[in-house]
Amino acid sequence: MVKIGDIELGEFPLALAPMEDVSDPPFRALCKRYGADLLFTEFISVEGLIRDAEKSLQKLDIYEDERPVGIQIFGADIEHMKMAVRVTEKSNPDFIDINFGCPVKKVTNKGAGAGILKDIPKMVKLSEALVKETNLPITVKTRLGWDTDSIYIEQVAEQLQDVGIQALSIHGRTRSQMYKGEADWTLIGKIKENPRMHIPIFGNGDVTDPKVALKKKNKYGVDGIMIGRASIGNPWIFNEVKHYFATGEILPEPTIQERVAVCLEHFERSLKWKGERLGILEMRRHYGRYFKGISHFKAYRMRLVTSLDPDEIRAVLAEVSSGLAGFDLLI
């Protein structure tokens, strides 16, 4: 049984990766329904939290039916991070996750996210400070290192565990790689093999389908897998992975009607949570992924991403679902 603190996650949990503007409550609800065992919020700026910024505070929203869920925060100032933990506690998450992996320049330039990989002693000191600040479990998501000349993840993993981190998720790339090239899970496997390590180790990076997930599980011995980009427009992936683990069979692709039904639910939840205008605008990034691989969809996608009328968007989705458009599923 894999556990974070006292939180039981099953024998081999699948986690939804924290993704900015993606892993919000509307999307998390769908991933939970389709098999995700562990959810993370979008990453949240501690500077926004301590200044009561509306966007940051809204990201603290969590709901009972998505538990267990962790709130992920990022920052570089230790005192500000401690203050943000106290704000975060009020939302009653199951745990708090520290983002030491975001490679985006506007984050790393401030020494936050993957930027802290240039200062490992501070990374460890900050982690220890947050462990001492709260009774909630503290977990970490990070990368292999800043670049190929500064990969210290094996030592870092031990140090983080020693200061009280209760789970570690590792993306198999350096910061300098961003999301390019192939994720290397070799060191993730070595960390799991280390007899000193006893906290759960989650592998992340390039888990694109059930076959890849099983290969990573068997080859690297991780305690669980974190799935990010492959889940966008495809919340079914968690059930697909579990089914393949149990049976060795690949589930059929969701039908066009199933895609429309889930996309429409995602749309309605987004409107309810974000408000009509923002909900419409932020759904635009999802349509291409929900209907990836469907022939002749471009014209419908253009209508979906240009309309500001919720009823018109619903009508377009109904037309797609009706079968009158004559789509073929090319996947």
C-alpha atoms as a PDB file:
ATOM      1  CA  MET A   1       0.000   0.000   0.000  1.00  0.00           C
ATOM      2  CA  VAL A   2       1.453   3.357  -1.063  1.00  0.00           C
ATOM      3  CA  LYS A   3       0.897   6.111   1.513  1.00  0.00           C
ATOM      4  CA  ILE A   4       1.631   9.802   1.846  1.00  0.00           C
ATOM      5  CA  GLY A   5       1.630  10.263   5.585  1.00  0.00           C
ATOM      6  CA  ASP A   6      -1.569   8.511   6.646  1.00  0.00           C
ATOM      7  CA  ILE A   7      -3.210   8.899   3.219  1.00  0.00           C
ATOM      8  CA  GLU A   8      -3.682   5.494   1.591  1.00  0.00           C
ATOM      9  CA  LEU A   9      -3.376   5.586  -2.209  1.00  0.00           C
ATOM     10  CA  GLY A  10      -3.635   1.939  -3.234  1.00  0.00           C
ATOM     11  CA  GLU A  11      -1.002  -0.443  -4.549  1.00  0.00           C
ATOM     12  CA  PHE A  12       0.147   1.612  -7.544  1.00  0.00           C
ATOM     13  CA  PRO A  13      -1.445   5.063  -7.663  1.00  0.00           C
ATOM     14  CA  LEU A  14      -1.822   7.118 -10.813  1.00  0.00           C
ATOM     15  CA  ALA A  15      -1.540  10.855 -10.253  1.00  0.00           C
ATOM     16  CA  LEU A  16      -2.737  13.774 -12.315  1.00  0.00           C
ATOM     17  CA  ALA A  17       0.221  16.108 -12.702  1.00  0.00           C
ATOM     18  CA  PRO A  18      -0.142  19.745 -11.663  1.00  0.00           C
ATOM     19  CA  MET A  19      -0.482  21.786 -14.872  1.00  0.00           C
ATOM     20  CA  GLU A  20      -1.054  25.514 -15.056  1.00  0.00           C
ATOM     21  CA  ASP A  21      -4.453  26.425 -16.540  1.00  0.00           C
ATOM     22  CA  VAL A  22      -5.267  22.710 -16.925  1.00  0.00           C
ATOM     23  CA  SER A  23      -5.544  20.884 -13.589  1.00  0.00           C
ATOM     24  CA  ASP A  24      -8.307  23.081 -12.211  1.00  0.00           C
ATOM     25  CA  PRO A  25     -11.400  21.744 -10.370  1.00  0.00           C
ATOM     26  CA  PRO A  26     -13.465  21.143 -13.562  1.00  0.00           C
ATOM     27  CA  PHE A  27     -10.740  19.003 -15.133  1.00  0.00           C
ATOM     28  CA  ARG A  28      -9.708  17.310 -11.887  1.00  0.00           C
ATOM     29  CA  ALA A  29     -13.294  16.127 -11.357  1.00  0.00           C
ATOM     30  CA  LEU A  30     -13.235  14.338 -14.708  1.00  0.00           C
ATOM     31  CA  CYS A  31      -9.831  12.756 -14.117  1.00  0.00           C
ATOM     32  CA  LYS A  32     -10.975  11.530 -10.707  1.00  0.00           C
ATOM     33  CA  ARG A  33     -14.055   9.912 -12.253  1.00  0.00           C
ATOM     34  CA  TYR A  34     -11.916   8.178 -14.855  1.00  0.00           C
ATOM     35  CA  GLY A  35      -9.444   6.626 -12.468  1.00  0.00           C
ATOM     36  CA  ALA A  36      -6.922   9.159 -11.139  1.00  0.00           C
ATOM     37  CA  ASP A  37      -5.953   8.168  -7.588  1.00  0.00           C
ATOM     38  CA  LEU A  38      -4.171  11.369  -6.633  1.00  0.00           C
ATOM     39  CA  LEU A  39      -4.799  14.931  -7.766  1.00  0.00           C
ATOM     40  CA  PHE A  40      -2.772  18.131  -7.665  1.00  0.00           C
ATOM     41  CA  THR A  41      -3.937  21.691  -8.147  1.00  0.00           C
ATOM     42  CA  GLU A  42      -2.366  24.049 -10.637  1.00  0.00           C
ATOM     43  CA  PHE A  43       0.812  25.538  -9.217  1.00  0.00           C
ATOM     44  CA  ILE A  44       0.095  28.639  -7.165  1.00  0.00           C
ATOM     45  CA  SER A  45       2.368  31.608  -6.566  1.00  0.00           C
ATOM     46  CA  VAL A  46       3.068  32.188  -2.886  1.00  0.00           C
ATOM     47  CA  GLU A  47       3.458  35.879  -3.631  1.00  0.00           C
ATOM     48  CA  GLY A  48      -0.103  35.904  -4.948  1.00  0.00           C
ATOM     49  CA  LEU A  49      -1.355  34.031  -1.895  1.00  0.00           C
ATOM     50  CA  ILE A  50       0.167  36.332   0.681  1.00  0.00           C
ATOM     51  CA  ARG A  51      -1.078  39.379  -1.225  1.00  0.00           C
ATOM     52  CA  ASP A  52      -4.611  38.004  -1.539  1.00  0.00           C
ATOM     53  CA  ALA A  53      -4.449  37.994  -5.351  1.00  0.00           C
ATOM     54  CA  GLU A  54      -7.836  36.818  -6.615  1.00  0.00           C
ATOM     55  CA  LYS A  55      -6.496  34.398  -9.240  1.00  0.00           C
ATOM     56  CA  SER A  56      -4.149  32.713  -6.767  1.00  0.00           C
ATOM     57  CA  LEU A  57      -6.806  32.412  -4.086  1.00  0.00           C
ATOM     58  CA  GLN A  58      -9.309  30.900  -6.523  1.00  0.00           C
ATOM     59  CA  LYS A  59      -6.808  28.143  -7.306  1.00  0.00           C
ATOM     60  CA  LEU A  60      -7.083  27.029  -3.677  1.00  0.00           C
ATOM     61  CA  ASP A  61     -10.602  25.735  -4.345  1.00  0.00           C
ATOM     62  CA  ILE A  62     -10.857  22.010  -3.699  1.00  0.00           C
ATOM     63  CA  TYR A  63     -13.900  19.770  -3.323  1.00  0.00           C
ATOM     64  CA  GLU A  64     -14.607  16.711  -1.214  1.00  0.00           C
ATOM     65  CA  ASP A  65     -15.212  14.396  -4.165  1.00  0.00           C
ATOM     66  CA  GLU A  66     -11.703  14.913  -5.534  1.00  0.00           C
ATOM     67  CA  ARG A  67      -9.763  13.819  -2.450  1.00  0.00           C
ATOM     68  CA  PRO A  68      -6.999  13.011  -1.914  1.00  0.00           C
ATOM     69  CA  VAL A  69      -5.740  16.267  -3.401  1.00  0.00           C
ATOM     70  CA  GLY A  70      -2.646  18.346  -2.802  1.00  0.00           C
ATOM     71  CA  ILE A  71      -2.221  22.073  -3.302  1.00  0.00           C
ATOM     72  CA  GLN A  72       1.006  22.892  -5.111  1.00  0.00           C
ATOM     73  CA  ILE A  73       2.823  26.141  -4.353  1.00  0.00           C
ATOM     74  CA  PHE A  74       5.953  27.784  -5.697  1.00  0.00           C
ATOM     75  CA  GLY A  75       8.211  30.562  -4.488  1.00  0.00           C
ATOM     76  CA  ALA A  76      11.761  31.383  -3.463  1.00  0.00           C
ATOM     77  CA  ASP A  77      11.478  33.398  -0.253  1.00  0.00           C
ATOM     78  CA  ILE A  78      11.385  31.066   2.750  1.00  0.00           C
ATOM     79  CA  GLU A  79       9.394  33.385   5.007  1.00  0.00           C
ATOM     80  CA  HIS A  80       6.860  34.054   2.243  1.00  0.00           C
ATOM     81  CA  MET A  81       6.576  30.321   1.611  1.00  0.00           C
ATOM     82  CA  LYS A  82       5.822  29.740   5.301  1.00  0.00           C
ATOM     83  CA  MET A  83       3.176  32.467   5.218  1.00  0.00           C
ATOM     84  CA  ALA A  84       1.636  30.871   2.112  1.00  0.00           C
ATOM     85  CA  VAL A  85       1.471  27.497   3.849  1.00  0.00           C
ATOM     86  CA  ARG A  86      -0.661  29.049   6.573  1.00  0.00           C
ATOM     87  CA  VAL A  87      -2.996  30.482   3.918  1.00  0.00           C
ATOM     88  CA  THR A  88      -3.084  27.152   2.082  1.00  0.00           C
ATOM     89  CA  GLU A  89      -3.970  25.209   5.234  1.00  0.00           C
ATOM     90  CA  LYS A  90      -7.294  27.043   5.403  1.00  0.00           C
ATOM     91  CA  SER A  91      -8.456  25.202   2.272  1.00  0.00           C
ATOM     92  CA  ASN A  92      -7.903  21.904   4.105  1.00  0.00           C
ATOM     93  CA  PRO A  93      -5.920  20.034   1.443  1.00  0.00           C
ATOM     94  CA  ASP A  94      -4.733  16.507   2.127  1.00  0.00           C
ATOM     95  CA  PHE A  95      -1.125  17.619   1.620  1.00  0.00           C
ATOM     96  CA  ILE A  96       0.954  20.503   0.258  1.00  0.00           C
ATOM     97  CA  ASP A  97       3.318  20.017  -2.673  1.00  0.00           C
ATOM     98  CA  ILE A  98       6.313  22.242  -3.419  1.00  0.00           C
ATOM     99  CA  ASN A  99       7.051  22.958  -7.059  1.00  0.00           C
ATOM    100  CA  PHE A 100      10.786  22.695  -7.654  1.00  0.00           C
ATOM    101  CA  GLY A 101      10.343  21.730 -11.303  1.00  0.00           C
ATOM    102  CA  CYS A 102       8.668  24.470 -13.359  1.00  0.00           C
ATOM    103  CA  PRO A 103      11.143  25.369 -16.134  1.00  0.00           C
ATOM    104  CA  VAL A 104       9.478  28.595 -17.305  1.00  0.00           C
ATOM    105  CA  LYS A 105      11.897  31.543 -17.357  1.00  0.00           C
ATOM    106  CA  LYS A 106       9.629  33.992 -15.515  1.00  0.00           C
ATOM    107  CA  VAL A 107       9.573  31.509 -12.601  1.00  0.00           C
ATOM    108  CA  THR A 108      13.184  30.307 -12.634  1.00  0.00           C
ATOM    109  CA  ASN A 109      14.595  33.842 -12.937  1.00  0.00           C
ATOM    110  CA  LYS A 110      13.182  34.491  -9.461  1.00  0.00           C
ATOM    111  CA  GLY A 111      14.869  31.376  -8.057  1.00  0.00           C
ATOM    112  CA  ALA A 112      11.566  29.506  -7.837  1.00  0.00           C
ATOM    113  CA  GLY A 113      10.404  26.334  -9.563  1.00  0.00           C
ATOM    114  CA  ALA A 114      13.366  24.630 -11.222  1.00  0.00           C
ATOM    115  CA  GLY A 115      15.401  27.776 -10.561  1.00  0.00           C
ATOM    116  CA  ILE A 116      16.131  26.511  -7.068  1.00  0.00           C
ATOM    117  CA  LEU A 117      18.037  23.572  -8.577  1.00  0.00           C
ATOM    118  CA  LYS A 118      20.957  26.009  -8.817  1.00  0.00           C
ATOM    119  CA  ASP A 119      20.974  26.225  -5.017  1.00  0.00           C
ATOM    120  CA  ILE A 120      20.464  22.774  -3.524  1.00  0.00           C
ATOM    121  CA  PRO A 121      21.189  23.808   0.088  1.00  0.00           C
ATOM    122  CA  LYS A 122      18.410  26.407  -0.137  1.00  0.00           C
ATOM    123  CA  MET A 123      16.086  23.823  -1.719  1.00  0.00           C
ATOM    124  CA  VAL A 124      16.613  21.536   1.269  1.00  0.00           C
ATOM    125  CA  LYS A 125      16.394  24.376   3.801  1.00  0.00           C
ATOM    126  CA  LEU A 126      13.128  25.648   2.311  1.00  0.00           C
ATOM    127  CA  SER A 127      11.644  22.146   2.326  1.00  0.00           C
ATOM    128  CA  GLU A 128      12.606  21.630   5.955  1.00  0.00           C
ATOM    129  CA  ALA A 129      11.090  24.988   6.930  1.00  0.00           C
ATOM    130  CA  LEU A 130       7.737  24.065   5.389  1.00  0.00           C
ATOM    131  CA  VAL A 131       7.740  20.618   7.011  1.00  0.00           C
ATOM    132  CA  LYS A 132       8.157  22.326  10.382  1.00  0.00           C
ATOM    133  CA  GLU A 133       5.500  24.936   9.578  1.00  0.00           C
ATOM    134  CA  THR A 134       2.546  22.555   9.217  1.00  0.00           C
ATOM    135  CA  ASN A 135       1.150  19.232  10.352  1.00  0.00           C
ATOM    136  CA  LEU A 136       0.071  18.473   6.791  1.00  0.00           C
ATOM    137  CA  PRO A 137       2.325  16.188   4.758  1.00  0.00           C
ATOM    138  CA  ILE A 138       4.750  18.101   2.540  1.00  0.00           C
ATOM    139  CA  THR A 139       5.707  16.586  -0.816  1.00  0.00           C
ATOM    140  CA  VAL A 140       7.979  17.755  -3.630  1.00  0.00           C
ATOM    141  CA  LYS A 141       7.910  17.696  -7.417  1.00  0.00           C
ATOM    142  CA  THR A 142      11.212  18.379  -9.140  1.00  0.00           C
ATOM    143  CA  ARG A 143      13.473  17.579 -12.083  1.00  0.00           C
ATOM    144  CA  LEU A 144      16.757  15.715 -12.466  1.00  0.00           C
ATOM    145  CA  GLY A 145      18.762  18.932 -12.194  1.00  0.00           C
ATOM    146  CA  TRP A 146      19.327  22.331 -13.762  1.00  0.00           C
ATOM    147  CA  ASP A 147      21.356  20.949 -16.691  1.00  0.00           C
ATOM    148  CA  THR A 148      23.423  17.908 -17.584  1.00  0.00           C
ATOM    149  CA  ASP A 149      26.379  19.246 -15.560  1.00  0.00           C
ATOM    150  CA  SER A 150      24.375  19.603 -12.343  1.00  0.00           C
ATOM    151  CA  ILE A 151      22.350  16.434 -11.883  1.00  0.00           C
ATOM    152  CA  TYR A 152      22.341  15.741  -8.150  1.00  0.00           C
ATOM    153  CA  ILE A 153      18.894  14.196  -7.804  1.00  0.00           C
ATOM    154  CA  GLU A 154      20.115  11.044  -6.047  1.00  0.00           C
ATOM    155  CA  GLN A 155      21.669  13.050  -3.223  1.00  0.00           C
ATOM    156  CA  VAL A 156      18.815  15.563  -3.233  1.00  0.00           C
ATOM    157  CA  ALA A 157      16.239  12.793  -2.795  1.00  0.00           C
ATOM    158  CA  GLU A 158      17.972  11.541   0.353  1.00  0.00           C
ATOM    159  CA  GLN A 159      18.308  15.046   1.775  1.00  0.00           C
ATOM    160  CA  LEU A 160      14.660  15.875   1.153  1.00  0.00           C
ATOM    161  CA  GLN A 161      13.566  12.657   2.815  1.00  0.00           C
ATOM    162  CA  ASP A 162      15.852  13.381   5.774  1.00  0.00           C
ATOM    163  CA  VAL A 163      14.169  16.751   6.417  1.00  0.00           C
ATOM    164  CA  GLY A 164      10.699  15.209   6.371  1.00  0.00           C
ATOM    165  CA  ILE A 165       9.373  15.272   2.801  1.00  0.00           C
ATOM    166  CA  GLN A 166       6.782  12.479   2.555  1.00  0.00           C
ATOM    167  CA  ALA A 167       6.718  11.815  -1.206  1.00  0.00           C
ATOM    168  CA  LEU A 168       8.815  12.811  -4.188  1.00  0.00           C
ATOM    169  CA  SER A 169       7.723  13.172  -7.816  1.00  0.00           C
ATOM    170  CA  ILE A 170      10.528  13.397 -10.364  1.00  0.00           C
ATOM    171  CA  HIS A 171      10.252  14.559 -13.958  1.00  0.00           C
ATOM    172  CA  GLY A 172      12.904  12.789 -16.000  1.00  0.00           C
ATOM    173  CA  ARG A 173      14.366  15.888 -17.639  1.00  0.00           C
ATOM    174  CA  THR A 174      16.653  18.723 -16.596  1.00  0.00           C
ATOM    175  CA  ARG A 175      15.444  22.305 -16.590  1.00  0.00           C
ATOM    176  CA  SER A 176      17.577  23.093 -19.639  1.00  0.00           C
ATOM    177  CA  GLN A 177      15.716  20.412 -21.606  1.00  0.00           C
ATOM    178  CA  MET A 178      12.376  22.066 -20.871  1.00  0.00           C
ATOM    179  CA  TYR A 179       9.978  19.513 -22.456  1.00  0.00           C
ATOM    180  CA  LYS A 180      12.245  18.555 -25.352  1.00  0.00           C
ATOM    181  CA  GLY A 181      13.971  15.256 -25.954  1.00  0.00           C
ATOM    182  CA  GLU A 182      13.089  12.040 -24.206  1.00  0.00           C
ATOM    183  CA  ALA A 183      12.529  11.866 -20.462  1.00  0.00           C
ATOM    184  CA  ASP A 184      15.222   9.750 -18.796  1.00  0.00           C
ATOM    185  CA  TRP A 185      13.849   7.624 -15.951  1.00  0.00           C
ATOM    186  CA  THR A 186      17.184   5.911 -15.195  1.00  0.00           C
ATOM    187  CA  LEU A 187      17.974   8.003 -12.130  1.00  0.00           C
ATOM    188  CA  ILE A 188      14.377   7.801 -10.958  1.00  0.00           C
ATOM    189  CA  GLY A 189      14.801   4.030 -10.897  1.00  0.00           C
ATOM    190  CA  LYS A 190      18.107   4.305  -9.038  1.00  0.00           C
ATOM    191  CA  ILE A 191      16.494   6.461  -6.364  1.00  0.00           C
ATOM    192  CA  LYS A 192      13.785   3.880  -5.887  1.00  0.00           C
ATOM    193  CA  GLU A 193      16.415   1.151  -5.582  1.00  0.00           C
ATOM    194  CA  ASN A 194      18.317   3.079  -2.901  1.00  0.00           C
ATOM    195  CA  PRO A 195      17.851   1.118   0.343  1.00  0.00           C
ATOM    196  CA  ARG A 196      17.870   4.374   2.327  1.00  0.00           C
ATOM    197  CA  MET A 197      14.775   5.643   0.544  1.00  0.00           C
ATOM    198  CA  HIS A 198      11.411   4.759   2.033  1.00  0.00           C
ATOM    199  CA  ILE A 199       9.081   7.548   0.888  1.00  0.00           C
ATOM    200  CA  PRO A 200       6.964   7.010  -2.265  1.00  0.00           C
ATOM    201  CA  ILE A 201       8.697   7.876  -5.537  1.00  0.00           C
ATOM    202  CA  PHE A 202       6.524   8.925  -8.474  1.00  0.00           C
ATOM    203  CA  GLY A 203       7.916   8.970 -11.998  1.00  0.00           C
ATOM    204  CA  ASN A 204       6.842  11.627 -14.475  1.00  0.00           C
ATOM    205  CA  GLY A 205       7.587  12.359 -18.101  1.00  0.00           C
ATOM    206  CA  ASP A 206       6.487  10.899 -21.453  1.00  0.00           C
ATOM    207  CA  VAL A 207       3.851   8.521 -20.096  1.00  0.00           C
ATOM    208  CA  THR A 208       1.784   8.669 -23.258  1.00  0.00           C
ATOM    209  CA  ASP A 209      -0.287   5.487 -23.179  1.00  0.00           C
ATOM    210  CA  PRO A 210      -0.947   2.310 -21.154  1.00  0.00           C
ATOM    211  CA  LYS A 211       1.888   0.307 -22.751  1.00  0.00           C
ATOM    212  CA  VAL A 212       4.433   2.980 -21.891  1.00  0.00           C
ATOM    213  CA  ALA A 213       3.034   3.198 -18.353  1.00  0.00           C
ATOM    214  CA  LEU A 214       3.476  -0.548 -17.790  1.00  0.00           C
ATOM    215  CA  LYS A 215       6.987  -0.474 -19.218  1.00  0.00           C
ATOM    216  CA  LYS A 216       7.967   2.350 -16.847  1.00  0.00           C
ATOM    217  CA  LYS A 217       6.357   0.587 -13.900  1.00  0.00           C
ATOM    218  CA  ASN A 218       8.150  -2.687 -14.528  1.00  0.00           C
ATOM    219  CA  LYS A 219      11.533  -1.300 -15.536  1.00  0.00           C
ATOM    220  CA  TYR A 220      12.000   1.388 -12.913  1.00  0.00           C
ATOM    221  CA  GLY A 221      10.057   0.022  -9.932  1.00  0.00           C
ATOM    222  CA  VAL A 222       8.465   3.339  -8.998  1.00  0.00           C
ATOM    223  CA  ASP A 223       5.655   3.505  -6.456  1.00  0.00           C
ATOM    224  CA  GLY A 224       3.348   5.361  -8.833  1.00  0.00           C
ATOM    225  CA  ILE A 225       3.178   7.297 -12.062  1.00  0.00           C
ATOM    226  CA  MET A 226       2.262  10.921 -12.636  1.00  0.00           C
ATOM    227  CA  ILE A 227       0.544  11.678 -15.939  1.00  0.00           C
ATOM    228  CA  GLY A 228       0.470  15.188 -17.344  1.00  0.00           C
ATOM    229  CA  ARG A 229       0.173  16.185 -20.982  1.00  0.00           C
ATOM    230  CA  ALA A 230      -1.287  12.844 -22.080  1.00  0.00           C
ATOM    231  CA  SER A 231      -4.338  13.488 -19.899  1.00  0.00           C
ATOM    232  CA  ILE A 232      -5.288  16.796 -21.549  1.00  0.00           C
ATOM    233  CA  GLY A 233      -8.486  16.171 -23.488  1.00  0.00           C
ATOM    234  CA  ASN A 234      -8.112  12.553 -22.449  1.00  0.00           C
ATOM    235  CA  PRO A 235      -9.170  12.035 -18.816  1.00  0.00           C
ATOM    236  CA  TRP A 236      -9.918   8.415 -19.768  1.00  0.00           C
ATOM    237  CA  ILE A 237      -6.193   7.611 -19.772  1.00  0.00           C
ATOM    238  CA  PHE A 238      -6.178   6.688 -16.078  1.00  0.00           C
ATOM    239  CA  ASN A 239      -8.810   3.969 -16.524  1.00  0.00           C
ATOM    240  CA  GLU A 240      -7.096   2.834 -19.731  1.00  0.00           C
ATOM    241  CA  VAL A 241      -3.808   2.361 -17.875  1.00  0.00           C
ATOM    242  CA  LYS A 242      -5.464   0.480 -15.022  1.00  0.00           C
ATOM    243  CA  HIS A 243      -7.367  -1.770 -17.416  1.00  0.00           C
ATOM    244  CA  TYR A 244      -4.175  -2.588 -19.309  1.00  0.00           C
ATOM    245  CA  PHE A 245      -2.312  -3.344 -16.079  1.00  0.00           C
ATOM    246  CA  ALA A 246      -5.067  -5.745 -15.025  1.00  0.00           C
ATOM    247  CA  THR A 247      -5.841  -7.465 -18.349  1.00  0.00           C
ATOM    248  CA  GLY A 248      -3.139  -6.704 -20.904  1.00  0.00           C
ATOM    249  CA  GLU A 249      -5.860  -5.353 -23.177  1.00  0.00           C
ATOM    250  CA  ILE A 250      -6.163  -1.888 -24.670  1.00  0.00           C
ATOM    251  CA  LEU A 251      -9.610  -0.365 -24.209  1.00  0.00           C
ATOM    252  CA  PRO A 252     -11.316   0.981 -27.340  1.00  0.00           C
ATOM    253  CA  GLU A 253     -10.911   4.710 -27.976  1.00  0.00           C
ATOM    254  CA  PRO A 254     -13.810   6.804 -26.667  1.00  0.00           C
ATOM    255  CA  THR A 255     -16.453   7.343 -29.329  1.00  0.00           C
ATOM    256  CA  ILE A 256     -17.147  10.779 -30.714  1.00  0.00           C
ATOM    257  CA  GLN A 257     -20.337  10.868 -28.643  1.00  0.00           C
ATOM    258  CA  GLU A 258     -18.394  10.024 -25.472  1.00  0.00           C
ATOM    259  CA  ARG A 259     -15.856  12.724 -26.267  1.00  0.00           C
ATOM    260  CA  VAL A 260     -18.575  15.298 -26.778  1.00  0.00           C
ATOM    261  CA  ALA A 261     -20.350  14.329 -23.549  1.00  0.00           C
ATOM    262  CA  VAL A 262     -17.213  14.727 -21.447  1.00  0.00           C
ATOM    263  CA  CYS A 263     -16.102  17.869 -23.272  1.00  0.00           C
ATOM    264  CA  LEU A 264     -19.545  19.384 -22.698  1.00  0.00           C
ATOM    265  CA  GLU A 265     -19.446  18.521 -19.009  1.00  0.00           C
ATOM    266  CA  HIS A 266     -15.972  20.076 -18.787  1.00  0.00           C
ATOM    267  CA  PHE A 267     -17.381  23.184 -20.498  1.00  0.00           C
ATOM    268  CA  GLU A 268     -20.337  23.466 -18.114  1.00  0.00           C
ATOM    269  CA  ARG A 269     -18.159  22.960 -15.051  1.00  0.00           C
ATOM    270  CA  SER A 270     -15.740  25.627 -16.312  1.00  0.00           C
ATOM    271  CA  LEU A 271     -18.531  28.139 -16.766  1.00  0.00           C
ATOM    272  CA  LYS A 272     -19.829  27.430 -13.284  1.00  0.00           C
ATOM    273  CA  TRP A 273     -16.411  27.717 -11.618  1.00  0.00           C
ATOM    274  CA  LYS A 274     -14.816  30.535 -13.628  1.00  0.00           C
ATOM    275  CA  GLY A 275     -17.782  32.513 -14.839  1.00  0.00           C
ATOM    276  CA  GLU A 276     -19.155  32.603 -18.379  1.00  0.00           C
ATOM    277  CA  ARG A 277     -16.561  34.674 -20.239  1.00  0.00           C
ATOM    278  CA  LEU A 278     -13.421  33.239 -18.627  1.00  0.00           C
ATOM    279  CA  GLY A 279     -14.864  29.733 -18.729  1.00  0.00           C
ATOM    280  CA  ILE A 280     -15.453  30.042 -22.477  1.00  0.00           C
ATOM    281  CA  LEU A 281     -12.018  31.503 -23.159  1.00  0.00           C
ATOM    282  CA  GLU A 282     -10.096  28.946 -21.116  1.00  0.00           C
ATOM    283  CA  MET A 283     -11.960  25.982 -22.639  1.00  0.00           C
ATOM    284  CA  ARG A 284     -10.584  26.904 -26.052  1.00  0.00           C
ATOM    285  CA  ARG A 285      -7.267  25.220 -25.334  1.00  0.00           C
ATOM    286  CA  HIS A 286      -9.033  21.878 -24.761  1.00  0.00           C
ATOM    287  CA  TYR A 287     -11.130  21.333 -27.890  1.00  0.00           C
ATOM    288  CA  GLY A 288      -8.245  20.298 -30.119  1.00  0.00           C
ATOM    289  CA  ARG A 289      -7.191  17.649 -27.622  1.00  0.00           C
ATOM    290  CA  TYR A 290     -10.677  16.250 -26.995  1.00  0.00           C
ATOM    291  CA  PHE A 291     -11.178  15.745 -30.731  1.00  0.00           C
ATOM    292  CA  LYS A 292      -7.634  14.908 -31.764  1.00  0.00           C
ATOM    293  CA  GLY A 293      -7.519  12.399 -34.589  1.00  0.00           C
ATOM    294  CA  ILE A 294     -11.014  13.108 -35.909  1.00  0.00           C
ATOM    295  CA  SER A 295     -11.158  13.836 -39.608  1.00  0.00           C
ATOM    296  CA  HIS A 296     -12.612  17.094 -40.944  1.00  0.00           C
ATOM    297  CA  PHE A 297     -12.926  18.601 -37.465  1.00  0.00           C
ATOM    298  CA  LYS A 298     -11.067  21.842 -38.222  1.00  0.00           C
ATOM    299  CA  ALA A 299     -14.127  23.862 -39.241  1.00  0.00           C
ATOM    300  CA  TYR A 300     -15.980  22.847 -36.064  1.00  0.00           C
ATOM    301  CA  ARG A 301     -12.972  23.675 -33.934  1.00  0.00           C
ATOM    302  CA  MET A 302     -12.822  27.154 -35.442  1.00  0.00           C
ATOM    303  CA  ARG A 303     -16.448  27.720 -34.480  1.00  0.00           C
ATOM    304  CA  LEU A 304     -15.776  26.505 -30.951  1.00  0.00           C
ATOM    305  CA  VAL A 305     -12.731  28.715 -30.411  1.00  0.00           C
ATOM    306  CA  THR A 306     -14.221  31.900 -31.875  1.00  0.00           C
ATOM    307  CA  SER A 307     -17.657  31.933 -30.260  1.00  0.00           C
ATOM    308  CA  LEU A 308     -18.394  33.782 -27.028  1.00  0.00           C
ATOM    309  CA  ASP A 309     -21.973  32.488 -26.893  1.00  0.00           C
ATOM    310  CA  PRO A 310     -22.372  29.450 -24.620  1.00  0.00           C
ATOM    311  CA  ASP A 311     -25.531  28.351 -26.409  1.00  0.00           C
ATOM    312  CA  GLU A 312     -23.765  28.446 -29.754  1.00  0.00           C
ATOM    313  CA  ILE A 313     -20.931  26.322 -28.360  1.00  0.00           C
ATOM    314  CA  ARG A 314     -23.426  23.831 -26.985  1.00  0.00           C
ATOM    315  CA  ALA A 315     -25.118  23.713 -30.411  1.00  0.00           C
ATOM    316  CA  VAL A 316     -21.823  23.035 -32.183  1.00  0.00           C
ATOM    317  CA  LEU A 317     -21.014  20.201 -29.778  1.00  0.00           C
ATOM    318  CA  ALA A 318     -24.499  18.764 -30.284  1.00  0.00           C
ATOM    319  CA  GLU A 319     -23.951  18.847 -34.047  1.00  0.00           C
ATOM    320  CA  VAL A 320     -20.639  17.034 -33.637  1.00  0.00           C
ATOM    321  CA  SER A 321     -22.310  14.397 -31.453  1.00  0.00           C
ATOM    322  CA  SER A 322     -25.250  13.864 -33.810  1.00  0.00           C
ATOM    323  CA  GLY A 323     -23.152  12.078 -36.395  1.00  0.00           C
ATOM    324  CA  LEU A 324     -24.516  14.280 -39.169  1.00  0.00           C
ATOM    325  CA  ALA A 325     -21.058  15.736 -39.761  1.00  0.00           C
ATOM    326  CA  GLY A 326     -19.763  12.372 -40.950  1.00  0.00           C
ATOM    327  CA  PHE A 327     -16.599  12.314 -38.855  1.00  0.00           C
ATOM    328  CA  ASP A 328     -14.164   9.418 -38.916  1.00  0.00           C
ATOM    329  CA  LEU A 329     -12.032   8.484 -35.929  1.00  0.00           C
ATOM    330  CA  LEU A 330      -8.520   8.227 -37.344  1.00  0.00           C
ATOM    331  CA  ILE A 331      -6.637   7.340 -34.142  1.00  0.00           C
END
